[in-house]
Amino acid sequence: MGVKLEVFRMTIYLTFPVAMFWIANQAEWFEDYVIQRKRELWPPEKEDQRRELEEFKERRRKQRQEKLPRPSSQSNSHIHT
């Protein structure tokens, strides 16, 4: 029974990866499942969302610039002397 068992195990070891490779590379399955799932997780951006994001970025950039200390003319005067 040892040889028959080994042949069975070897068949399973070889069949499983080949079958998974074949199933995973079916174009119809890929389009139906994977692409649809990707669209559910990351829907395409809408123009309103993009505009709001750009406006938010611009507001944050202005806030950061207002908080940064501005160089004074006195601090630059000692460099030239």
N, C-alpha and C. Protein backbone atom coordinates (compact mmCIF):
# COMPACT_ATOMS: atom_id res chain seq x y z
N MET A 1 0.81 -1.19 0.00
CA MET A 1 0.00 0.00 0.00
C MET A 1 0.86 1.26 0.00
N GLY A 2 2.11 1.16 0.35
CA GLY A 2 2.99 2.32 0.43
C GLY A 2 3.18 3.00 -0.90
N VAL A 3 3.35 2.23 -1.99
CA VAL A 3 3.58 2.82 -3.30
C VAL A 3 2.31 3.51 -3.79
N LYS A 4 1.15 2.88 -3.58
CA LYS A 4 -0.11 3.48 -4.02
C LYS A 4 -0.38 4.78 -3.27
N LEU A 5 -0.07 4.80 -1.99
CA LEU A 5 -0.26 6.01 -1.20
C LEU A 5 0.65 7.13 -1.68
N GLU A 6 1.90 6.78 -1.98
CA GLU A 6 2.85 7.79 -2.47
C GLU A 6 2.42 8.33 -3.83
N VAL A 7 1.92 7.47 -4.70
CA VAL A 7 1.45 7.92 -6.01
C VAL A 7 0.25 8.85 -5.83
N PHE A 8 -0.66 8.50 -4.94
CA PHE A 8 -1.82 9.35 -4.67
C PHE A 8 -1.39 10.71 -4.13
N ARG A 9 -0.47 10.72 -3.18
CA ARG A 9 0.01 11.97 -2.61
C ARG A 9 0.71 12.82 -3.65
N MET A 10 1.53 12.20 -4.49
CA MET A 10 2.23 12.94 -5.53
C MET A 10 1.24 13.53 -6.53
N THR A 11 0.18 12.78 -6.83
CA THR A 11 -0.86 13.29 -7.73
C THR A 11 -1.54 14.51 -7.13
N ILE A 12 -1.85 14.45 -5.86
CA ILE A 12 -2.47 15.60 -5.18
C ILE A 12 -1.50 16.78 -5.16
N TYR A 13 -0.23 16.52 -4.83
CA TYR A 13 0.76 17.59 -4.77
C TYR A 13 0.92 18.30 -6.11
N LEU A 14 0.82 17.57 -7.20
CA LEU A 14 0.98 18.17 -8.52
C LEU A 14 -0.32 18.76 -9.05
N THR A 15 -1.44 18.12 -8.76
CA THR A 15 -2.72 18.56 -9.31
C THR A 15 -3.19 19.86 -8.67
N PHE A 16 -3.05 20.00 -7.38
CA PHE A 16 -3.57 21.18 -6.69
C PHE A 16 -2.95 22.48 -7.21
N PRO A 17 -1.62 22.62 -7.28
CA PRO A 17 -1.06 23.89 -7.76
C PRO A 17 -1.40 24.16 -9.23
N VAL A 18 -1.41 23.10 -10.05
CA VAL A 18 -1.73 23.29 -11.46
C VAL A 18 -3.19 23.73 -11.60
N ALA A 19 -4.10 23.13 -10.84
CA ALA A 19 -5.51 23.50 -10.90
C ALA A 19 -5.70 24.94 -10.41
N MET A 20 -5.04 25.33 -9.34
CA MET A 20 -5.17 26.70 -8.84
C MET A 20 -4.62 27.70 -9.84
N PHE A 21 -3.50 27.37 -10.47
CA PHE A 21 -2.94 28.25 -11.49
C PHE A 21 -3.90 28.40 -12.65
N TRP A 22 -4.51 27.30 -13.09
CA TRP A 22 -5.43 27.34 -14.21
C TRP A 22 -6.68 28.17 -13.85
N ILE A 23 -7.22 27.97 -12.66
CA ILE A 23 -8.41 28.70 -12.24
C ILE A 23 -8.12 30.19 -12.12
N ALA A 24 -6.99 30.52 -11.52
CA ALA A 24 -6.65 31.92 -11.29
C ALA A 24 -6.38 32.67 -12.59
N ASN A 25 -6.01 31.97 -13.63
CA ASN A 25 -5.69 32.63 -14.90
C ASN A 25 -6.83 32.61 -15.90
N GLN A 26 -8.03 32.37 -15.44
CA GLN A 26 -9.19 32.46 -16.32
C GLN A 26 -9.58 33.93 -16.45
N ALA A 27 -9.55 34.45 -17.67
CA ALA A 27 -9.81 35.88 -17.90
C ALA A 27 -11.21 36.28 -17.45
N GLU A 28 -12.20 35.45 -17.68
CA GLU A 28 -13.56 35.80 -17.30
C GLU A 28 -13.67 35.93 -15.78
N TRP A 29 -13.07 35.00 -15.08
CA TRP A 29 -13.11 35.04 -13.62
C TRP A 29 -12.39 36.29 -13.12
N PHE A 30 -11.26 36.59 -13.72
CA PHE A 30 -10.49 37.77 -13.31
C PHE A 30 -11.32 39.03 -13.49
N GLU A 31 -11.94 39.18 -14.65
CA GLU A 31 -12.73 40.38 -14.90
C GLU A 31 -13.94 40.45 -13.99
N ASP A 32 -14.61 39.33 -13.81
CA ASP A 32 -15.83 39.35 -13.01
C ASP A 32 -15.55 39.56 -11.53
N TYR A 33 -14.57 38.90 -11.01
CA TYR A 33 -14.35 38.92 -9.57
C TYR A 33 -13.34 39.98 -9.14
N VAL A 34 -12.14 39.91 -9.68
CA VAL A 34 -11.06 40.76 -9.19
C VAL A 34 -11.30 42.23 -9.52
N ILE A 35 -11.64 42.52 -10.76
CA ILE A 35 -11.83 43.91 -11.14
C ILE A 35 -13.05 44.49 -10.44
N GLN A 36 -14.12 43.72 -10.33
CA GLN A 36 -15.31 44.20 -9.62
C GLN A 36 -14.99 44.47 -8.15
N ARG A 37 -14.23 43.59 -7.54
CA ARG A 37 -13.86 43.77 -6.14
C ARG A 37 -12.99 45.01 -5.96
N LYS A 38 -12.08 45.24 -6.90
CA LYS A 38 -11.22 46.43 -6.84
C LYS A 38 -12.07 47.69 -6.92
N ARG A 39 -13.06 47.71 -7.77
CA ARG A 39 -13.93 48.88 -7.89
C ARG A 39 -14.76 49.09 -6.63
N GLU A 40 -15.12 48.02 -5.95
CA GLU A 40 -15.85 48.16 -4.69
C GLU A 40 -14.96 48.77 -3.60
N LEU A 41 -13.71 48.31 -3.55
CA LEU A 41 -12.80 48.80 -2.51
C LEU A 41 -12.32 50.22 -2.80
N TRP A 42 -11.97 50.50 -4.04
CA TRP A 42 -11.46 51.80 -4.44
C TRP A 42 -12.28 52.33 -5.61
N PRO A 43 -13.42 52.96 -5.31
CA PRO A 43 -14.25 53.47 -6.40
C PRO A 43 -13.53 54.58 -7.15
N PRO A 44 -13.84 54.75 -8.42
CA PRO A 44 -13.19 55.83 -9.18
C PRO A 44 -13.53 57.20 -8.58
N GLU A 45 -12.58 58.09 -8.64
CA GLU A 45 -12.76 59.40 -8.04
C GLU A 45 -13.76 60.22 -8.86
N LYS A 46 -14.51 61.02 -8.16
CA LYS A 46 -15.43 61.93 -8.81
C LYS A 46 -14.79 63.31 -8.84
N GLU A 47 -15.19 64.12 -9.79
CA GLU A 47 -14.60 65.45 -9.95
C GLU A 47 -14.83 66.32 -8.71
N ASP A 48 -15.99 66.20 -8.07
CA ASP A 48 -16.26 66.97 -6.85
C ASP A 48 -15.29 66.61 -5.74
N GLN A 49 -15.01 65.32 -5.59
CA GLN A 49 -14.08 64.87 -4.55
C GLN A 49 -12.69 65.40 -4.83
N ARG A 50 -12.28 65.36 -6.08
CA ARG A 50 -10.94 65.85 -6.44
C ARG A 50 -10.82 67.35 -6.15
N ARG A 51 -11.85 68.12 -6.49
CA ARG A 51 -11.83 69.56 -6.26
C ARG A 51 -11.78 69.87 -4.77
N GLU A 52 -12.58 69.16 -3.97
CA GLU A 52 -12.57 69.36 -2.52
C GLU A 52 -11.20 69.04 -1.92
N LEU A 53 -10.59 67.98 -2.41
CA LEU A 53 -9.26 67.61 -1.92
C LEU A 53 -8.23 68.69 -2.26
N GLU A 54 -8.29 69.21 -3.48
CA GLU A 54 -7.35 70.26 -3.86
C GLU A 54 -7.57 71.53 -3.03
N GLU A 55 -8.83 71.88 -2.77
CA GLU A 55 -9.12 73.04 -1.94
C GLU A 55 -8.61 72.83 -0.52
N PHE A 56 -8.77 71.64 0.02
CA PHE A 56 -8.27 71.33 1.37
C PHE A 56 -6.75 71.45 1.41
N LYS A 57 -6.09 70.93 0.40
CA LYS A 57 -4.62 71.02 0.35
C LYS A 57 -4.16 72.47 0.32
N GLU A 58 -4.86 73.27 -0.46
CA GLU A 58 -4.50 74.68 -0.56
C GLU A 58 -4.70 75.40 0.77
N ARG A 59 -5.80 75.12 1.47
CA ARG A 59 -6.03 75.72 2.79
C ARG A 59 -4.93 75.31 3.77
N ARG A 60 -4.56 74.04 3.77
CA ARG A 60 -3.51 73.56 4.69
C ARG A 60 -2.17 74.22 4.36
N ARG A 61 -1.87 74.37 3.07
CA ARG A 61 -0.62 75.00 2.67
C ARG A 61 -0.56 76.44 3.17
N LYS A 62 -1.67 77.17 3.04
CA LYS A 62 -1.72 78.57 3.51
C LYS A 62 -1.58 78.63 5.02
N GLN A 63 -2.22 77.71 5.74
CA GLN A 63 -2.11 77.69 7.20
C GLN A 63 -0.67 77.43 7.62
N ARG A 64 0.00 76.51 6.95
CA ARG A 64 1.40 76.21 7.29
C ARG A 64 2.29 77.41 7.02
N GLN A 65 2.06 78.11 5.92
CA GLN A 65 2.88 79.28 5.61
C GLN A 65 2.68 80.39 6.63
N GLU A 66 1.45 80.55 7.13
CA GLU A 66 1.20 81.57 8.13
C GLU A 66 1.89 81.25 9.45
N LYS A 67 2.04 79.98 9.76
CA LYS A 67 2.66 79.58 11.02
C LYS A 67 4.19 79.65 10.97
N LEU A 68 4.77 79.56 9.79
CA LEU A 68 6.22 79.60 9.69
C LEU A 68 6.74 80.99 10.05
N PRO A 69 7.83 81.05 10.80
CA PRO A 69 8.39 82.37 11.13
C PRO A 69 9.01 83.00 9.87
N ARG A 70 8.74 84.27 9.70
CA ARG A 70 9.28 84.97 8.54
C ARG A 70 10.67 85.50 8.89
N PRO A 71 11.59 85.39 7.96
CA PRO A 71 12.93 85.91 8.26
C PRO A 71 12.90 87.45 8.32
N SER A 72 13.52 87.97 9.34
CA SER A 72 13.54 89.43 9.49
C SER A 72 14.75 90.00 8.77
N SER A 73 14.67 91.22 8.40
CA SER A 73 15.78 91.86 7.70
C SER A 73 16.98 92.06 8.61
N GLN A 74 16.77 92.16 9.93
CA GLN A 74 17.87 92.33 10.87
C GLN A 74 18.73 91.07 10.95
N SER A 75 18.12 89.92 10.85
CA SER A 75 18.92 88.69 10.96
C SER A 75 19.80 88.51 9.73
N ASN A 76 19.41 89.06 8.61
CA ASN A 76 20.22 88.95 7.39
C ASN A 76 21.32 90.01 7.35
N SER A 77 21.19 91.08 8.11
CA SER A 77 22.16 92.18 8.05
C SER A 77 23.52 91.77 8.61
N HIS A 78 23.58 90.90 9.57
CA HIS A 78 24.87 90.50 10.14
C HIS A 78 25.64 89.60 9.20
N ILE A 79 25.01 89.03 8.22
CA ILE A 79 25.71 88.16 7.27
C ILE A 79 26.60 88.99 6.35
N HIS A 80 26.13 90.18 5.99
CA HIS A 80 26.86 91.01 5.04
C HIS A 80 28.00 91.78 5.70
N THR A 81 28.06 91.90 7.00
CA THR A 81 29.09 92.70 7.64
C THR A 81 30.26 91.88 8.07
